[in-house]
Amino acid sequence: MQFIENKTFDEINVGDSAELTRTLKSEDIELFAVMSGDVNPAHVDDEYASSDMFHKVIAHGMWGGALISAVLGTELPGPGTIYLNQNFNFLRPVGLGDTITIRVTVLQKDEKHHHVILNCVCINQDGDPVIEGEAKVIAPTVKVHRPRTQLPDVHLHESGARFNELIKATYELPPVRTAVVHPCDALSLEGALQAGLQGMIIPVLIGPTAKIKAAAAEFGGNLDNIEIIDVPHSHAAAETAVAVARAGKVQMLMKGKIHTDELLKPVVDKATGLRTERRMSHVFILDVPNYPKPLLISDAAINIFPDLQVKRDIVQNAIDLALALGIDMPRVALLSAVETVTPTIPSTLDAAGLCKMADRGQITGGMLDGPLAFDNAISKAAAETKGIQSEVAGQADILIVPDLEAGNMIAKQLIYLAGADAAGVVLGARIPIVLTSRADGVLSRLASAAMAQLYVHHEAGGTLL
């Protein structure tokens, strides 16, 4: 065990010194900005910093000051030290990758008050001083020898960052005419109108006009130049939306304040709906802290106990969406409880069958492996521990779950325990359906709309006008 120990006033001599060395990383700057609230663009904005006087991102000046404080509080004099005064001269900027040595040296001692004055200097890897100053402290008079506190791991996650990237990917694409089904509450209507303002969709609002206008009034939404198809209730809204889609007048559906089964009932009607030869399935896209890329999960909302053929469609739908999102060769992990094909666990047999279907060209565009347990699908360390040799294990883009219950639990756990942001879309019908949850905020709704817009354009091969 490491210990931390001070030097008492009586043990300190003029000329004594202590130092530590740190290399500036982007995480240091981000953590300091989070802690201090200092978001000066010279420190956190690459584009701005490149045109600033130093032409690069630099550390906050007090990052070096904090390191001087660390030496005083942990090394010399160490625990029990009371800071009285500190001055700094900032001589040079500290950039990413710079290695700084922080050194304090005793200059004077005051026996009467146990005051100690120390020279403080921070020197970069070239031997140039970047900060100079003096500190005045009260040195401890009692010896301290204690176990060194182990600091917690800190993981930085910019909430919404990947969803914002998804939205940015739509900026150069034409908007898609979208039937917004029964947008009679403020949240769903605001999401649709925001998607319209950002050029992702041309919203066609279908529902009772009076309720739509009342919802808009709740948040000051502007309905000027927005097409509204007036229908008496939610059932009629869903039926009308499907009819409009069958007529080719819209290329997407978006759920408003309506139950999912109520929306999907006219969609799946064999005679008048939007069914195709492929089974419809829902795909979650999750921005999970500590996972290095977006994670797609299917199916957690529509197919309860899918058989092998339905799973084939679920996999293909998810791959097609991943391709539309710009993932060149999506890695698909077929989840189960174990990594070996086990006759008593049906999901392992389905995984083996799906892999063979991919080998035979019945599933295209992705790289499949399974069965894989959840940990081996998303953690390289876990996969290596199990001795799993795979291009998918530990780096999955898509998780295919055994059934709806498993998928719903995984997605909700990642959202509510891991802090993931979630968006979702239904594929397999003639057009994609943005299927949001009542708990989804505006960003999730925009991300869902962005996914569907990208999918529409990808399927159209760039020919959509």
Protein backbone atom coordinates (compact mmCIF):
# COMPACT_ATOMS: atom_id res chain seq x y z
CA MET A 1 0.00 0.00 0.00
CA GLN A 2 1.25 3.49 -0.86
CA PHE A 3 1.43 6.03 1.93
CA ILE A 4 1.41 9.79 2.08
CA GLU A 5 3.68 11.49 4.63
CA ASN A 6 4.41 15.12 5.44
CA LYS A 7 7.47 17.01 6.55
CA THR A 8 6.91 18.93 9.78
CA PHE A 9 8.19 22.44 10.24
CA ASP A 10 11.13 21.17 12.28
CA GLU A 11 12.09 18.69 9.56
CA ILE A 12 12.08 21.28 6.78
CA ASN A 13 15.32 22.96 5.75
CA VAL A 14 15.92 25.86 3.42
CA GLY A 15 16.77 24.41 0.02
CA ASP A 16 14.52 21.36 0.37
CA SER A 17 12.50 20.65 -2.75
CA ALA A 18 9.85 18.31 -4.12
CA GLU A 19 8.40 17.80 -7.58
CA LEU A 20 5.98 15.86 -9.73
CA THR A 21 5.63 15.50 -13.49
CA ARG A 22 2.46 15.50 -15.59
CA THR A 23 1.76 15.32 -19.32
CA LEU A 24 -1.23 17.38 -20.45
CA LYS A 25 -4.01 15.29 -22.01
CA SER A 26 -7.33 16.35 -23.48
CA GLU A 27 -9.06 14.68 -20.52
CA ASP A 28 -7.20 17.01 -18.15
CA ILE A 29 -8.56 20.05 -19.95
CA GLU A 30 -12.10 18.63 -20.07
CA LEU A 31 -12.07 17.69 -16.39
CA PHE A 32 -10.75 21.09 -15.38
CA ALA A 33 -13.43 22.79 -17.50
CA VAL A 34 -16.17 20.65 -15.94
CA MET A 35 -14.88 21.30 -12.42
CA SER A 36 -14.34 25.05 -12.84
CA GLY A 37 -17.01 25.90 -15.38
CA ASP A 38 -14.34 27.67 -17.45
CA VAL A 39 -15.28 26.94 -21.07
CA ASN A 40 -13.09 29.63 -22.62
CA PRO A 41 -12.87 28.45 -26.27
CA ALA A 42 -9.08 28.76 -26.13
CA HIS A 43 -9.22 25.62 -23.99
CA VAL A 44 -12.16 23.60 -25.34
CA ASP A 45 -12.81 24.64 -28.96
CA ASP A 46 -10.32 23.27 -31.51
CA GLU A 47 -11.59 25.45 -34.34
CA TYR A 48 -11.41 28.66 -32.33
CA ALA A 49 -8.07 27.78 -30.73
CA SER A 50 -6.44 27.14 -34.12
CA SER A 51 -7.09 30.78 -35.07
CA ASP A 52 -6.19 32.20 -31.66
CA MET A 53 -2.79 33.70 -30.83
CA PHE A 54 -1.30 30.34 -29.81
CA HIS A 55 -2.80 28.41 -32.76
CA LYS A 56 -3.64 25.40 -30.58
CA VAL A 57 -5.72 24.31 -27.62
CA ILE A 58 -3.95 25.25 -24.39
CA ALA A 59 -4.42 24.31 -20.75
CA HIS A 60 -6.19 26.56 -18.31
CA GLY A 61 -3.53 28.60 -16.52
CA MET A 62 -4.73 27.37 -13.16
CA TRP A 63 -4.22 23.75 -14.22
CA GLY A 64 -0.55 24.38 -13.51
CA GLY A 65 -1.50 26.29 -10.37
CA ALA A 66 -3.50 23.34 -9.15
CA LEU A 67 -0.50 21.07 -9.65
CA ILE A 68 1.64 23.39 -7.54
CA SER A 69 -1.01 23.13 -4.84
CA ALA A 70 -0.86 19.34 -5.19
CA VAL A 71 2.88 19.29 -4.51
CA LEU A 72 2.48 21.54 -1.47
CA GLY A 73 -0.39 19.48 -0.08
CA THR A 74 1.02 16.02 -0.69
CA GLU A 75 4.82 16.31 -0.77
CA LEU A 76 6.32 19.45 0.75
CA PRO A 77 5.29 20.25 3.39
CA GLY A 78 2.48 17.72 2.74
CA PRO A 79 -0.65 16.83 4.76
CA GLY A 80 -1.55 19.44 7.37
CA THR A 81 -0.24 22.35 5.28
CA ILE A 82 -2.33 25.53 5.33
CA TYR A 83 -2.14 27.74 2.25
CA LEU A 84 -1.77 31.44 3.08
CA ASN A 85 -0.70 33.14 -0.13
CA GLN A 86 0.31 32.34 -3.70
CA ASN A 87 1.36 34.45 -6.67
CA PHE A 88 1.89 33.34 -10.27
CA ASN A 89 3.61 34.63 -13.38
CA PHE A 90 2.34 32.81 -16.47
CA LEU A 91 5.21 32.79 -18.95
CA ARG A 92 4.30 30.33 -21.70
CA PRO A 93 1.23 28.36 -22.79
CA VAL A 94 0.94 24.64 -22.11
CA GLY A 95 -0.38 22.62 -25.04
CA LEU A 96 -1.64 19.08 -25.42
CA GLY A 97 1.21 16.61 -25.07
CA ASP A 98 3.48 18.99 -23.16
CA THR A 99 5.20 17.37 -20.17
CA ILE A 100 5.42 19.68 -17.20
CA THR A 101 7.63 19.26 -14.14
CA ILE A 102 6.27 21.08 -11.09
CA ARG A 103 8.91 21.88 -8.49
CA VAL A 104 8.69 23.71 -5.15
CA THR A 105 11.79 24.78 -3.17
CA VAL A 106 11.97 26.14 0.37
CA LEU A 107 13.26 29.75 0.47
CA GLN A 108 12.55 30.91 4.02
CA LYS A 109 11.28 29.70 7.41
CA ASP A 110 9.58 31.75 10.14
CA GLU A 111 10.03 30.03 13.50
CA LYS A 112 7.50 32.16 15.32
CA HIS A 113 4.47 31.38 13.12
CA HIS A 114 5.76 28.21 11.43
CA HIS A 115 5.49 30.02 8.10
CA VAL A 116 7.39 28.65 5.11
CA ILE A 117 7.94 30.49 1.83
CA LEU A 118 8.58 28.33 -1.23
CA ASN A 119 9.65 29.09 -4.78
CA CYS A 120 7.26 27.44 -7.24
CA VAL A 121 8.07 26.74 -10.88
CA CYS A 122 6.56 24.68 -13.70
CA ILE A 123 9.01 23.70 -16.45
CA ASN A 124 8.13 22.13 -19.80
CA GLN A 125 9.90 19.32 -21.64
CA ASP A 126 12.24 21.83 -23.31
CA GLY A 127 13.44 23.17 -19.97
CA ASP A 128 11.53 26.42 -20.34
CA PRO A 129 9.58 27.78 -17.37
CA VAL A 130 5.86 28.15 -18.03
CA ILE A 131 4.78 29.31 -14.55
CA GLU A 132 6.80 30.94 -11.79
CA GLY A 133 5.70 32.18 -8.39
CA GLU A 134 5.98 32.01 -4.61
CA ALA A 135 3.79 30.33 -2.02
CA LYS A 136 3.44 31.13 1.68
CA VAL A 137 2.12 28.33 3.89
CA ILE A 138 1.82 27.30 7.52
CA ALA A 139 3.79 24.08 7.81
CA PRO A 140 2.42 21.25 9.96
CA THR A 141 3.93 20.58 13.36
CA VAL A 142 2.47 17.08 13.79
CA LYS A 143 3.72 14.11 11.79
CA VAL A 144 1.19 12.58 9.40
CA HIS A 145 1.64 9.13 7.85
CA ARG A 146 -1.48 7.72 6.20
CA PRO A 147 -2.48 5.43 3.33
CA ARG A 148 -2.68 7.37 0.10
CA THR A 149 -6.30 7.75 -1.00
CA GLN A 150 -7.09 5.89 -4.22
CA LEU A 151 -8.91 8.23 -6.57
CA PRO A 152 -12.00 7.01 -8.42
CA ASP A 153 -11.91 6.39 -12.16
CA VAL A 154 -13.45 9.27 -14.09
CA HIS A 155 -15.15 8.66 -17.41
CA LEU A 156 -16.04 11.68 -19.52
CA HIS A 157 -19.11 11.54 -21.73
CA GLU A 158 -20.61 14.40 -23.68
CA SER A 159 -24.32 13.68 -23.57
CA GLY A 160 -25.90 13.88 -27.00
CA ALA A 161 -22.61 14.23 -28.89
CA ARG A 162 -23.14 11.22 -31.17
CA PHE A 163 -26.77 12.15 -31.78
CA ASN A 164 -25.67 15.63 -32.79
CA GLU A 165 -23.21 14.06 -35.24
CA LEU A 166 -26.09 11.99 -36.62
CA ILE A 167 -28.17 15.12 -37.07
CA LYS A 168 -25.25 16.94 -38.75
CA ALA A 169 -25.02 14.10 -41.28
CA THR A 170 -28.44 15.13 -42.60
CA TYR A 171 -27.56 18.77 -43.29
CA GLU A 172 -26.82 18.29 -46.98
CA LEU A 173 -29.83 16.05 -47.63
CA PRO A 174 -33.24 17.23 -48.84
CA PRO A 175 -36.01 17.00 -46.22
CA VAL A 176 -38.37 14.05 -46.34
CA ARG A 177 -42.14 14.50 -46.32
CA THR A 178 -43.29 12.91 -43.09
CA ALA A 179 -46.74 12.10 -41.74
CA VAL A 180 -46.74 12.97 -38.04
CA VAL A 181 -49.50 10.86 -36.51
CA HIS A 182 -51.65 12.55 -33.87
CA PRO A 183 -49.09 15.12 -32.57
CA CYS A 184 -51.48 16.33 -29.88
CA ASP A 185 -49.04 16.93 -27.04
CA ALA A 186 -46.33 19.54 -26.75
CA LEU A 187 -43.37 17.11 -26.72
CA SER A 188 -44.20 15.13 -29.86
CA LEU A 189 -45.28 18.24 -31.76
CA GLU A 190 -42.17 20.17 -30.76
CA GLY A 191 -39.96 17.28 -31.88
CA ALA A 192 -41.66 17.21 -35.27
CA LEU A 193 -41.49 20.97 -35.73
CA GLN A 194 -37.83 21.06 -34.69
CA ALA A 195 -37.05 18.31 -37.20
CA GLY A 196 -38.78 20.48 -39.78
CA LEU A 197 -36.84 23.59 -38.81
CA GLN A 198 -33.57 21.64 -39.08
CA GLY A 199 -34.44 20.53 -42.61
CA MET A 200 -34.81 16.84 -41.84
CA ILE A 201 -38.51 16.53 -42.59
CA ILE A 202 -41.44 18.36 -44.12
CA PRO A 203 -44.04 17.65 -41.43
CA VAL A 204 -47.59 16.77 -42.40
CA LEU A 205 -49.56 16.85 -39.16
CA ILE A 206 -52.46 14.42 -39.01
CA GLY A 207 -54.92 14.74 -36.13
CA PRO A 208 -57.62 16.96 -34.65
CA THR A 209 -56.65 20.49 -35.65
CA ALA A 210 -57.89 22.06 -32.43
CA LYS A 211 -55.78 19.71 -30.29
CA ILE A 212 -52.72 20.27 -32.47
CA LYS A 213 -53.06 24.04 -32.16
CA ALA A 214 -53.54 23.75 -28.41
CA ALA A 215 -50.35 21.68 -28.14
CA ALA A 216 -48.46 24.26 -30.19
CA ALA A 217 -49.68 27.03 -27.89
CA GLU A 218 -48.14 25.23 -24.88
CA PHE A 219 -44.61 25.88 -26.12
CA GLY A 220 -45.13 28.74 -28.59
CA GLY A 221 -44.83 26.53 -31.64
CA ASN A 222 -45.35 28.15 -35.04
CA LEU A 223 -47.75 26.28 -37.34
CA ASP A 224 -47.57 28.78 -40.20
CA ASN A 225 -47.13 27.03 -43.56
CA ILE A 226 -47.43 23.62 -41.88
CA GLU A 227 -49.88 21.24 -43.55
CA ILE A 228 -52.51 19.85 -41.19
CA ILE A 229 -54.89 17.05 -42.15
CA ASP A 230 -57.83 17.32 -39.79
CA VAL A 231 -59.24 14.00 -38.51
CA PRO A 232 -61.46 13.40 -35.47
CA HIS A 233 -59.27 11.09 -33.35
CA SER A 234 -56.11 9.00 -33.10
CA HIS A 235 -57.56 5.92 -34.89
CA ALA A 236 -58.42 8.05 -37.88
CA ALA A 237 -55.01 9.71 -37.75
CA ALA A 238 -53.23 6.36 -38.03
CA GLU A 239 -55.47 5.15 -40.86
CA THR A 240 -55.12 8.42 -42.75
CA ALA A 241 -51.33 8.43 -42.36
CA VAL A 242 -51.11 4.94 -43.84
CA ALA A 243 -53.38 5.91 -46.72
CA VAL A 244 -51.26 8.98 -47.44
CA ALA A 245 -48.12 6.80 -47.37
CA ARG A 246 -49.65 4.21 -49.72
CA ALA A 247 -50.41 7.03 -52.12
CA GLY A 248 -46.72 7.98 -52.10
CA LYS A 249 -47.35 11.42 -50.62
CA VAL A 250 -45.02 10.89 -47.63
CA GLN A 251 -41.80 8.88 -47.24
CA MET A 252 -41.81 8.52 -43.43
CA LEU A 253 -44.23 8.11 -40.55
CA MET A 254 -43.60 9.68 -37.15
CA LYS A 255 -45.43 8.70 -33.99
CA GLY A 256 -47.15 11.44 -32.01
CA LYS A 257 -49.36 11.05 -28.95
CA ILE A 258 -50.67 7.63 -29.88
CA HIS A 259 -50.13 4.10 -28.60
CA THR A 260 -47.72 2.02 -30.66
CA ASP A 261 -50.21 -0.79 -31.31
CA GLU A 262 -52.80 1.75 -32.44
CA LEU A 263 -50.34 3.25 -34.90
CA LEU A 264 -49.11 -0.09 -36.23
CA LYS A 265 -52.50 -1.76 -36.63
CA PRO A 266 -53.31 -0.09 -39.97
CA VAL A 267 -49.64 -0.37 -41.00
CA VAL A 268 -49.70 -4.20 -40.82
CA ASP A 269 -53.11 -4.62 -42.46
CA LYS A 270 -52.56 -7.12 -45.28
CA ALA A 271 -54.93 -5.42 -47.68
CA THR A 272 -54.45 -1.70 -47.05
CA GLY A 273 -51.29 -1.43 -44.95
CA LEU A 274 -47.61 -0.89 -45.63
CA ARG A 275 -46.32 -4.43 -45.28
CA THR A 276 -43.60 -5.89 -47.47
CA GLU A 277 -42.18 -9.38 -47.79
CA ARG A 278 -39.82 -8.55 -44.94
CA ARG A 279 -40.88 -8.67 -41.30
CA MET A 280 -41.07 -5.31 -39.56
CA SER A 281 -38.72 -4.75 -36.63
CA HIS A 282 -37.65 -1.99 -34.30
CA VAL A 283 -34.05 -0.82 -33.99
CA PHE A 284 -32.75 1.15 -31.02
CA ILE A 285 -29.65 3.26 -31.50
CA LEU A 286 -27.92 4.02 -28.22
CA ASP A 287 -25.17 6.47 -27.35
CA VAL A 288 -23.67 4.63 -24.39
CA PRO A 289 -21.06 6.28 -22.15
CA ASN A 290 -17.77 4.32 -22.26
CA TYR A 291 -18.68 2.54 -25.51
CA PRO A 292 -16.64 4.00 -28.38
CA LYS A 293 -19.38 4.09 -31.02
CA PRO A 294 -23.15 4.02 -31.48
CA LEU A 295 -24.76 0.71 -30.51
CA LEU A 296 -27.79 -0.68 -32.33
CA ILE A 297 -30.11 -3.16 -30.57
CA SER A 298 -32.90 -5.16 -32.21
CA ASP A 299 -35.64 -6.15 -31.67
CA ALA A 300 -36.82 -4.72 -28.37
CA ALA A 301 -40.26 -3.39 -29.26
CA ILE A 302 -42.23 -5.40 -31.86
CA ASN A 303 -41.38 -9.11 -32.29
CA ILE A 304 -41.95 -10.94 -29.03
CA PHE A 305 -40.56 -14.44 -29.72
CA PRO A 306 -39.07 -14.29 -33.23
CA ASP A 307 -38.24 -17.54 -35.00
CA LEU A 308 -35.19 -18.03 -37.22
CA GLN A 309 -36.77 -16.54 -40.36
CA VAL A 310 -38.03 -13.50 -38.48
CA LYS A 311 -34.59 -13.06 -36.92
CA ARG A 312 -33.12 -13.08 -40.41
CA ASP A 313 -35.29 -10.08 -41.26
CA ILE A 314 -34.47 -8.40 -37.93
CA VAL A 315 -30.76 -8.77 -38.69
CA GLN A 316 -31.09 -7.52 -42.26
CA ASN A 317 -33.16 -4.50 -41.19
CA ALA A 318 -30.53 -3.56 -38.60
CA ILE A 319 -27.68 -3.99 -41.10
CA ASP A 320 -29.47 -1.84 -43.67
CA LEU A 321 -29.93 0.91 -41.11
CA ALA A 322 -26.28 0.72 -40.02
CA LEU A 323 -25.18 1.03 -43.64
CA ALA A 324 -27.43 4.07 -44.04
CA LEU A 325 -25.78 5.61 -40.97
CA GLY A 326 -22.36 5.27 -42.59
CA ILE A 327 -21.06 2.09 -40.93
CA ASP A 328 -19.25 0.37 -43.80
CA MET A 329 -19.27 -3.23 -42.54
CA PRO A 330 -21.55 -3.51 -39.50
CA ARG A 331 -20.44 -6.05 -36.91
CA VAL A 332 -23.44 -8.04 -35.74
CA ALA A 333 -23.31 -9.93 -32.42
CA LEU A 334 -25.99 -12.59 -31.98
CA LEU A 335 -26.63 -12.68 -28.25
CA SER A 336 -27.26 -15.60 -25.96
CA ALA A 337 -26.19 -16.66 -22.48
CA VAL A 338 -23.19 -18.70 -23.70
CA GLU A 339 -20.69 -18.71 -26.54
CA THR A 340 -21.15 -22.30 -27.67
CA VAL A 341 -23.96 -23.86 -29.64
CA THR A 342 -26.06 -25.64 -27.02
CA PRO A 343 -29.16 -27.62 -28.09
CA THR A 344 -31.00 -26.81 -24.86
CA ILE A 345 -30.63 -23.04 -25.46
CA PRO A 346 -32.61 -22.18 -28.61
CA SER A 347 -30.98 -18.77 -29.10
CA THR A 348 -27.61 -20.46 -29.66
CA LEU A 349 -29.11 -22.60 -32.44
CA ASP A 350 -30.65 -19.50 -34.03
CA ALA A 351 -27.27 -17.75 -33.84
CA ALA A 352 -25.57 -20.64 -35.61
CA GLY A 353 -28.29 -20.68 -38.25
CA LEU A 354 -28.04 -16.95 -38.86
CA CYS A 355 -24.27 -17.16 -39.28
CA LYS A 356 -24.71 -19.90 -41.89
CA MET A 357 -27.41 -17.85 -43.63
CA ALA A 358 -24.90 -15.00 -43.87
CA ASP A 359 -22.35 -17.44 -45.33
CA ARG A 360 -24.88 -18.44 -47.98
CA GLY A 361 -25.82 -14.88 -48.91
CA GLN A 362 -29.25 -14.91 -47.25
CA ILE A 363 -28.06 -12.03 -45.07
CA THR A 364 -25.86 -9.40 -46.70
CA GLY A 365 -23.90 -6.27 -45.88
CA GLY A 366 -22.69 -7.20 -42.40
CA MET A 367 -20.32 -9.42 -40.45
CA LEU A 368 -22.07 -11.87 -38.11
CA ASP A 369 -20.86 -13.90 -35.14
CA GLY A 370 -22.64 -15.79 -32.42
CA PRO A 371 -23.70 -17.05 -30.10
CA LEU A 372 -22.00 -14.44 -27.92
CA ALA A 373 -22.80 -13.44 -24.36
CA PHE A 374 -23.37 -9.73 -23.85
CA ASP A 375 -19.97 -9.11 -22.21
CA ASN A 376 -18.09 -10.81 -25.03
CA ALA A 377 -20.03 -8.85 -27.62
CA ILE A 378 -19.06 -5.42 -26.29
CA SER A 379 -15.81 -5.99 -24.33
CA LYS A 380 -12.57 -7.01 -26.02
CA ALA A 381 -11.09 -7.84 -22.62
CA ALA A 382 -13.94 -10.21 -21.82
CA ALA A 383 -13.67 -11.86 -25.24
CA GLU A 384 -9.91 -12.31 -24.89
CA THR A 385 -10.33 -13.80 -21.42
CA LYS A 386 -12.69 -16.39 -22.94
CA GLY A 387 -10.24 -17.02 -25.78
CA ILE A 388 -12.77 -15.95 -28.40
CA GLN A 389 -11.17 -15.20 -31.78
CA SER A 390 -13.61 -13.02 -33.69
CA GLU A 391 -13.85 -9.87 -35.80
CA VAL A 392 -17.14 -9.09 -34.03
CA ALA A 393 -16.53 -9.93 -30.37
CA GLY A 394 -15.70 -6.90 -28.28
CA GLN A 395 -16.53 -4.39 -31.01
CA ALA A 396 -20.13 -5.04 -32.04
CA ASP A 397 -22.09 -2.36 -33.88
CA ILE A 398 -25.36 -4.31 -33.65
CA LEU A 399 -26.71 -6.55 -30.89
CA ILE A 400 -29.37 -9.02 -31.96
CA VAL A 401 -31.26 -10.22 -28.89
CA PRO A 402 -33.00 -13.59 -28.40
CA ASP A 403 -36.45 -12.05 -27.84
CA LEU A 404 -38.26 -8.83 -27.06
CA GLU A 405 -38.00 -9.24 -23.28
CA ALA A 406 -34.21 -9.57 -23.38
CA GLY A 407 -33.84 -6.66 -25.79
CA ASN A 408 -36.13 -4.38 -23.83
CA MET A 409 -34.28 -5.13 -20.59
CA ILE A 410 -30.85 -4.53 -22.14
CA ALA A 411 -31.91 -1.26 -23.73
CA LYS A 412 -33.64 0.06 -20.61
CA GLN A 413 -30.68 -0.93 -18.41
CA LEU A 414 -28.29 0.95 -20.67
CA ILE A 415 -30.59 3.98 -20.67
CA TYR A 416 -31.39 4.15 -16.96
CA LEU A 417 -28.27 2.65 -15.35
CA ALA A 418 -25.53 3.52 -17.84
CA GLY A 419 -26.93 6.92 -18.86
CA ALA A 420 -27.30 6.07 -22.55
CA ASP A 421 -29.22 8.32 -24.94
CA ALA A 422 -31.68 6.40 -27.10
CA ALA A 423 -33.45 6.85 -30.41
CA GLY A 424 -35.44 4.37 -32.45
CA VAL A 425 -37.02 3.54 -35.79
CA VAL A 426 -39.15 0.74 -37.25
CA LEU A 427 -38.03 -0.79 -40.55
CA GLY A 428 -39.40 -3.47 -42.83
CA ALA A 429 -42.50 -1.58 -43.96
CA ARG A 430 -42.65 0.35 -47.21
CA ILE A 431 -41.35 3.41 -45.37
CA PRO A 432 -39.55 3.85 -42.03
CA ILE A 433 -41.56 4.69 -38.93
CA VAL A 434 -40.11 6.96 -36.24
CA LEU A 435 -41.34 5.22 -33.12
CA THR A 436 -40.49 7.30 -30.09
CA SER A 437 -41.29 6.75 -26.43
CA ARG A 438 -43.31 9.11 -24.28
CA ALA A 439 -40.16 9.51 -22.14
CA ASP A 440 -38.02 10.64 -25.10
CA GLY A 441 -36.88 14.25 -25.17
CA VAL A 442 -36.58 16.48 -28.22
CA LEU A 443 -32.98 15.38 -28.95
CA SER A 444 -34.00 11.71 -29.06
CA ARG A 445 -36.87 12.56 -31.37
CA LEU A 446 -34.56 14.53 -33.64
CA ALA A 447 -32.04 11.68 -33.69
CA SER A 448 -34.81 9.22 -34.58
CA ALA A 449 -35.94 11.49 -37.41
CA ALA A 450 -32.34 11.81 -38.59
CA MET A 451 -31.94 8.02 -38.68
CA ALA A 452 -35.10 7.63 -40.73
CA GLN A 453 -34.13 10.45 -43.10
CA LEU A 454 -30.70 8.92 -43.70
CA TYR A 455 -32.34 5.54 -44.28
CA VAL A 456 -34.82 6.94 -46.81
CA HIS A 457 -32.06 8.60 -48.82
CA HIS A 458 -29.82 5.54 -48.62
CA GLU A 459 -32.60 3.27 -49.91
CA ALA A 460 -33.41 5.76 -52.67
CA GLY A 461 -29.75 5.73 -53.74
CA GLY A 462 -29.56 9.51 -53.79
CA THR A 463 -32.47 9.86 -56.23
CA LEU A 464 -35.04 11.21 -53.76
CA LEU A 465 -36.21 14.73 -54.58
